[in-house]
N, C-alpha and C. Protein backbone atom coordinates (compact mmCIF):
# COMPACT_ATOMS: atom_id res chain seq x y z
N MET A 1 71.33 75.76 48.99
CA MET A 1 70.88 76.14 47.64
C MET A 1 69.45 75.52 47.48
N ASN A 2 68.48 76.33 47.23
CA ASN A 2 67.05 75.87 47.07
C ASN A 2 66.62 76.37 45.73
N ILE A 3 66.43 75.39 44.76
CA ILE A 3 65.98 75.82 43.40
C ILE A 3 64.74 75.10 43.05
N ALA A 4 63.81 75.83 42.43
CA ALA A 4 62.57 75.17 41.86
C ALA A 4 62.48 75.54 40.36
N ILE A 5 62.66 74.51 39.56
CA ILE A 5 62.58 74.70 38.10
C ILE A 5 61.16 74.45 37.64
N SER A 6 60.75 75.36 36.78
CA SER A 6 59.40 75.25 36.20
C SER A 6 59.56 74.99 34.70
N ASN A 7 59.09 73.86 34.19
CA ASN A 7 59.10 73.50 32.81
C ASN A 7 58.09 74.18 32.00
N THR A 8 57.10 74.82 32.76
CA THR A 8 56.05 75.53 32.00
C THR A 8 56.25 77.03 31.92
N SER A 9 57.31 77.50 32.60
CA SER A 9 57.68 78.90 32.57
C SER A 9 58.12 79.34 31.13
N GLU A 10 57.88 80.60 30.88
CA GLU A 10 58.32 81.14 29.58
C GLU A 10 59.91 81.43 29.68
N LYS A 11 60.32 81.50 30.86
CA LYS A 11 61.83 81.84 31.04
C LYS A 11 62.55 80.55 30.86
N PRO A 12 63.69 80.65 30.18
CA PRO A 12 64.65 79.53 29.93
C PRO A 12 65.09 78.99 31.26
N ILE A 13 65.40 77.79 31.38
CA ILE A 13 65.83 77.19 32.66
C ILE A 13 67.06 77.73 33.20
N TYR A 14 68.07 78.08 32.30
CA TYR A 14 69.29 78.73 32.81
C TYR A 14 68.95 80.05 33.46
N GLN A 15 67.95 80.78 32.97
CA GLN A 15 67.59 82.09 33.49
C GLN A 15 66.91 81.94 34.91
N GLN A 16 66.04 80.80 34.96
CA GLN A 16 65.47 80.50 36.28
C GLN A 16 66.52 80.18 37.28
N LEU A 17 67.55 79.47 36.89
CA LEU A 17 68.64 79.08 37.79
C LEU A 17 69.39 80.43 38.22
N PHE A 18 69.70 81.20 37.28
CA PHE A 18 70.48 82.44 37.51
C PHE A 18 69.69 83.34 38.46
N GLU A 19 68.40 83.54 38.12
CA GLU A 19 67.64 84.50 38.95
C GLU A 19 67.45 84.01 40.43
N GLN A 20 67.19 82.69 40.57
CA GLN A 20 67.02 82.20 41.94
C GLN A 20 68.31 82.23 42.74
N LEU A 21 69.36 81.82 42.15
CA LEU A 21 70.66 81.86 42.79
C LEU A 21 71.14 83.28 43.16
N SER A 22 70.96 84.20 42.17
CA SER A 22 71.38 85.56 42.44
C SER A 22 70.54 86.14 43.48
N ALA A 23 69.31 85.81 43.54
CA ALA A 23 68.40 86.37 44.63
C ALA A 23 68.92 85.83 45.96
N GLN A 24 69.25 84.51 46.00
CA GLN A 24 69.69 83.93 47.23
C GLN A 24 70.96 84.52 47.69
N ILE A 25 71.92 84.81 46.83
CA ILE A 25 73.23 85.41 47.14
C ILE A 25 72.91 86.84 47.59
N LEU A 26 72.20 87.63 46.90
CA LEU A 26 72.02 89.05 47.24
C LEU A 26 71.23 89.25 48.51
N LYS A 27 70.35 88.24 48.89
CA LYS A 27 69.62 88.29 50.14
C LYS A 27 70.47 87.73 51.32
N GLY A 28 71.63 87.23 51.01
CA GLY A 28 72.46 86.61 52.08
C GLY A 28 72.11 85.18 52.46
N GLU A 29 71.18 84.54 51.66
CA GLU A 29 70.82 83.14 51.97
C GLU A 29 71.95 82.21 51.62
N LEU A 30 72.71 82.57 50.60
CA LEU A 30 73.99 81.85 50.29
C LEU A 30 75.11 82.80 50.69
N GLU A 31 75.77 82.41 51.70
CA GLU A 31 76.81 83.37 52.33
C GLU A 31 78.11 83.36 51.44
N ASN A 32 78.85 84.47 51.69
CA ASN A 32 80.11 84.68 51.01
C ASN A 32 80.97 83.38 51.20
N GLY A 33 81.56 82.85 50.19
CA GLY A 33 82.44 81.70 50.26
C GLY A 33 81.72 80.38 50.14
N TYR A 34 80.38 80.41 50.11
CA TYR A 34 79.60 79.22 49.93
C TYR A 34 80.06 78.48 48.58
N CYS A 35 80.24 77.17 48.62
CA CYS A 35 80.63 76.45 47.42
C CYS A 35 79.47 75.86 46.75
N LEU A 36 79.25 76.35 45.51
CA LEU A 36 78.15 75.81 44.72
C LEU A 36 78.45 74.33 44.39
N PRO A 37 77.48 73.55 44.16
CA PRO A 37 77.77 72.18 43.70
C PRO A 37 78.45 72.21 42.33
N PRO A 38 79.17 71.18 42.06
CA PRO A 38 79.79 71.11 40.71
C PRO A 38 78.71 71.11 39.61
N ILE A 39 79.00 71.58 38.46
CA ILE A 39 78.01 71.73 37.39
C ILE A 39 77.32 70.42 37.10
N ARG A 40 78.09 69.35 36.92
CA ARG A 40 77.47 68.03 36.63
C ARG A 40 76.57 67.53 37.74
N GLN A 41 76.99 67.79 38.94
CA GLN A 41 76.12 67.34 40.05
C GLN A 41 74.83 68.13 40.10
N ALA A 42 74.92 69.44 39.92
CA ALA A 42 73.74 70.34 39.91
C ALA A 42 72.79 69.96 38.78
N ALA A 43 73.35 69.69 37.66
CA ALA A 43 72.54 69.28 36.48
C ALA A 43 71.79 67.97 36.77
N GLN A 44 72.48 67.06 37.40
CA GLN A 44 71.83 65.76 37.72
C GLN A 44 70.79 65.95 38.80
N GLU A 45 71.00 66.69 39.77
CA GLU A 45 70.08 66.88 40.87
C GLU A 45 68.78 67.63 40.38
N LEU A 46 69.04 68.52 39.44
CA LEU A 46 67.97 69.34 38.92
C LEU A 46 67.28 68.78 37.69
N SER A 47 67.82 67.67 37.22
CA SER A 47 67.39 67.00 35.98
C SER A 47 67.38 67.95 34.79
N VAL A 48 68.42 68.71 34.61
CA VAL A 48 68.67 69.57 33.48
C VAL A 48 69.95 69.20 32.87
N SER A 49 70.26 69.78 31.71
CA SER A 49 71.50 69.56 31.00
C SER A 49 72.65 70.35 31.69
N VAL A 50 73.85 69.77 31.51
CA VAL A 50 75.01 70.33 31.99
C VAL A 50 75.28 71.76 31.35
N ILE A 51 74.93 71.81 30.13
CA ILE A 51 75.04 73.13 29.38
C ILE A 51 74.15 74.22 30.02
N THR A 52 72.99 73.81 30.44
CA THR A 52 72.10 74.79 31.12
C THR A 52 72.71 75.36 32.42
N VAL A 53 73.22 74.42 33.23
CA VAL A 53 73.78 74.80 34.50
C VAL A 53 75.01 75.65 34.21
N LYS A 54 75.85 75.22 33.34
CA LYS A 54 77.05 75.98 32.97
C LYS A 54 76.78 77.44 32.60
N LYS A 55 75.71 77.55 31.79
CA LYS A 55 75.33 78.93 31.35
C LYS A 55 74.89 79.82 32.51
N ALA A 56 74.08 79.21 33.43
CA ALA A 56 73.71 79.90 34.58
C ALA A 56 74.93 80.25 35.51
N TRP A 57 75.87 79.35 35.66
CA TRP A 57 77.04 79.66 36.57
C TRP A 57 77.88 80.73 35.83
N GLU A 58 78.01 80.71 34.56
CA GLU A 58 78.77 81.71 33.75
C GLU A 58 78.15 83.05 33.92
N GLU A 59 76.81 83.19 33.90
CA GLU A 59 76.15 84.42 34.16
C GLU A 59 76.32 84.98 35.54
N LEU A 60 76.26 84.08 36.52
CA LEU A 60 76.57 84.48 37.91
C LEU A 60 77.99 85.03 38.05
N GLU A 61 78.94 84.36 37.36
CA GLU A 61 80.34 84.83 37.37
C GLU A 61 80.50 86.17 36.71
N ARG A 62 79.89 86.28 35.56
CA ARG A 62 79.90 87.56 34.80
C ARG A 62 79.44 88.75 35.59
N ARG A 63 78.39 88.51 36.41
CA ARG A 63 77.81 89.58 37.23
C ARG A 63 78.58 89.80 38.55
N GLY A 64 79.62 88.93 38.71
CA GLY A 64 80.45 89.14 39.97
C GLY A 64 79.85 88.51 41.17
N LEU A 65 78.91 87.62 41.00
CA LEU A 65 78.31 86.98 42.22
C LEU A 65 79.02 85.77 42.71
N ILE A 66 79.69 85.07 41.73
CA ILE A 66 80.52 83.97 42.15
C ILE A 66 81.92 84.02 41.47
N HIS A 67 82.85 83.21 41.95
CA HIS A 67 84.11 83.16 41.29
C HIS A 67 84.48 81.68 41.24
N THR A 68 85.33 81.32 40.31
CA THR A 68 85.80 80.01 40.12
C THR A 68 87.21 79.83 40.47
N ILE A 69 87.52 78.81 41.19
CA ILE A 69 88.85 78.47 41.54
C ILE A 69 89.12 77.13 40.84
N THR A 70 90.02 77.19 39.81
CA THR A 70 90.25 75.97 38.96
C THR A 70 90.63 74.77 39.86
N GLY A 71 89.89 73.69 39.70
CA GLY A 71 90.18 72.46 40.40
C GLY A 71 89.51 72.41 41.71
N LYS A 72 88.90 73.41 42.18
CA LYS A 72 88.20 73.50 43.54
C LYS A 72 86.70 73.64 43.36
N GLY A 73 86.25 74.55 42.46
CA GLY A 73 84.91 74.82 42.29
C GLY A 73 84.49 76.26 42.19
N CYS A 74 83.21 76.45 42.25
CA CYS A 74 82.62 77.87 42.20
C CYS A 74 82.10 78.20 43.53
N PHE A 75 82.47 79.50 43.93
CA PHE A 75 82.20 79.97 45.27
C PHE A 75 81.47 81.32 45.18
N VAL A 76 80.57 81.62 46.11
CA VAL A 76 79.88 82.85 46.20
C VAL A 76 81.02 83.84 46.50
N ALA A 77 81.01 84.98 45.78
CA ALA A 77 82.00 86.02 45.87
C ALA A 77 81.90 86.73 47.21
N GLU A 78 83.02 87.22 47.68
CA GLU A 78 83.04 87.94 48.98
C GLU A 78 82.57 89.45 48.59
N LEU A 79 81.31 89.61 48.92
CA LEU A 79 80.60 90.84 48.60
C LEU A 79 80.19 91.61 49.83
N SER A 80 80.47 92.88 49.83
CA SER A 80 79.98 93.68 50.96
C SER A 80 78.48 93.93 50.77
N THR A 81 77.84 94.36 51.83
CA THR A 81 76.39 94.70 51.80
C THR A 81 76.15 95.77 50.76
N GLU A 82 77.05 96.69 50.73
CA GLU A 82 76.95 97.85 49.70
C GLU A 82 77.05 97.32 48.30
N ARG A 83 77.97 96.45 48.07
CA ARG A 83 78.18 95.84 46.71
C ARG A 83 77.03 94.98 46.30
N LYS A 84 76.47 94.26 47.26
CA LYS A 84 75.19 93.47 46.94
C LYS A 84 74.09 94.39 46.54
N GLN A 85 73.94 95.52 47.21
CA GLN A 85 72.89 96.42 46.93
C GLN A 85 73.12 97.14 45.48
N GLU A 86 74.40 97.41 45.15
CA GLU A 86 74.62 97.90 43.84
C GLU A 86 74.23 96.94 42.79
N ILE A 87 74.68 95.65 42.92
CA ILE A 87 74.36 94.58 41.94
C ILE A 87 72.84 94.44 41.83
N ARG A 88 72.15 94.39 43.01
CA ARG A 88 70.72 94.19 43.04
C ARG A 88 70.01 95.27 42.26
N SER A 89 70.41 96.51 42.59
CA SER A 89 69.82 97.69 41.94
C SER A 89 70.04 97.70 40.39
N GLY A 90 71.24 97.30 40.01
CA GLY A 90 71.59 97.22 38.55
C GLY A 90 70.70 96.19 37.85
N MET A 91 70.54 94.92 38.51
CA MET A 91 69.78 94.00 37.92
C MET A 91 68.33 94.37 37.87
N ILE A 92 67.75 95.02 38.86
CA ILE A 92 66.44 95.42 38.88
C ILE A 92 66.12 96.51 37.79
N LEU A 93 67.05 97.49 37.74
CA LEU A 93 66.91 98.51 36.77
C LEU A 93 66.98 97.98 35.32
N GLU A 94 67.81 96.97 35.11
CA GLU A 94 67.92 96.36 33.79
C GLU A 94 66.55 95.68 33.42
N GLN A 95 65.97 94.99 34.37
CA GLN A 95 64.64 94.35 34.13
C GLN A 95 63.62 95.40 33.90
N MET A 96 63.67 96.43 34.71
CA MET A 96 62.60 97.55 34.54
C MET A 96 62.66 98.19 33.24
N VAL A 97 63.83 98.45 32.69
CA VAL A 97 64.03 99.07 31.34
C VAL A 97 63.39 98.17 30.37
N HIS A 98 63.58 96.90 30.42
CA HIS A 98 62.96 95.90 29.52
C HIS A 98 61.46 95.99 29.63
N ASP A 99 60.94 95.94 30.87
CA ASP A 99 59.51 95.90 31.06
C ASP A 99 58.88 97.28 30.67
N ILE A 100 59.46 98.40 31.00
CA ILE A 100 58.86 99.61 30.58
C ILE A 100 58.77 99.77 29.04
N SER A 101 59.77 99.29 28.35
CA SER A 101 59.69 99.29 26.84
C SER A 101 58.54 98.53 26.42
N TYR A 102 58.27 97.43 27.04
CA TYR A 102 57.10 96.55 26.67
C TYR A 102 55.82 97.32 26.93
N TYR A 103 55.66 98.02 28.05
CA TYR A 103 54.48 98.72 28.38
C TYR A 103 54.32 99.99 27.44
N LYS A 104 55.31 100.59 27.13
CA LYS A 104 55.22 101.73 26.15
C LYS A 104 54.87 101.30 24.81
N SER A 105 55.19 100.05 24.44
CA SER A 105 54.78 99.51 23.15
C SER A 105 53.23 99.44 23.00
N PHE A 106 52.56 99.36 24.18
CA PHE A 106 51.10 99.35 24.22
C PHE A 106 50.50 100.71 24.42
N GLY A 107 51.36 101.66 24.48
CA GLY A 107 50.92 102.98 24.61
C GLY A 107 50.46 103.39 25.97
N LEU A 108 50.88 102.67 27.04
CA LEU A 108 50.53 102.97 28.43
C LEU A 108 51.36 104.16 28.92
N THR A 109 50.66 104.93 29.69
CA THR A 109 51.29 106.14 30.29
C THR A 109 51.87 105.70 31.67
N LEU A 110 52.72 106.50 32.14
CA LEU A 110 53.39 106.22 33.47
C LEU A 110 52.30 106.05 34.53
N ASP A 111 51.32 106.96 34.52
CA ASP A 111 50.24 106.87 35.51
C ASP A 111 49.48 105.48 35.40
N GLU A 112 49.24 105.00 34.18
CA GLU A 112 48.56 103.74 34.02
C GLU A 112 49.43 102.61 34.55
N VAL A 113 50.72 102.68 34.24
CA VAL A 113 51.61 101.63 34.70
C VAL A 113 51.66 101.58 36.25
N MET A 114 51.77 102.81 36.86
CA MET A 114 51.81 102.91 38.30
C MET A 114 50.54 102.40 38.95
N GLU A 115 49.37 102.71 38.34
CA GLU A 115 48.14 102.21 38.90
C GLU A 115 48.12 100.66 38.85
N MET A 116 48.51 100.04 37.74
CA MET A 116 48.53 98.66 37.59
C MET A 116 49.48 98.02 38.66
N LEU A 117 50.65 98.68 38.75
CA LEU A 117 51.64 98.14 39.71
C LEU A 117 51.12 98.20 41.15
N LYS A 118 50.40 99.29 41.52
CA LYS A 118 49.91 99.39 42.90
C LYS A 118 48.81 98.35 43.09
N ARG A 119 48.04 98.02 42.09
CA ARG A 119 47.04 96.92 42.26
C ARG A 119 47.59 95.55 42.48
N ILE A 120 48.68 95.26 41.76
CA ILE A 120 49.16 93.90 41.87
C ILE A 120 50.20 93.78 42.97
N TYR A 121 50.76 94.86 43.45
CA TYR A 121 51.87 94.76 44.49
C TYR A 121 51.17 94.56 45.78
């Protein structure tokens, strides 16, 4: 588990944790069955609150990326490659819907958005 927290980011810390861990799970960097550190330990290592880590772990579980075994800990869910792709696509589409709404609020056309995307990609 490799996490880099930015205190200057506009994103809340729990969201940074969620996004980085979900990316690591979906790319296979954290394998099926991998045991995440206990919430208190992760909070201490990352110098963040327990509530922040708990919120990130809850979102990972809500998305089906981890599961909790009471008394044992949180583990990366047993996900097939196909299921990982489904979750990844869903998360990306969710973000794109949010982003497109933002671009539309400025009156940008699809062509303008595509041109900007091509420049920065």
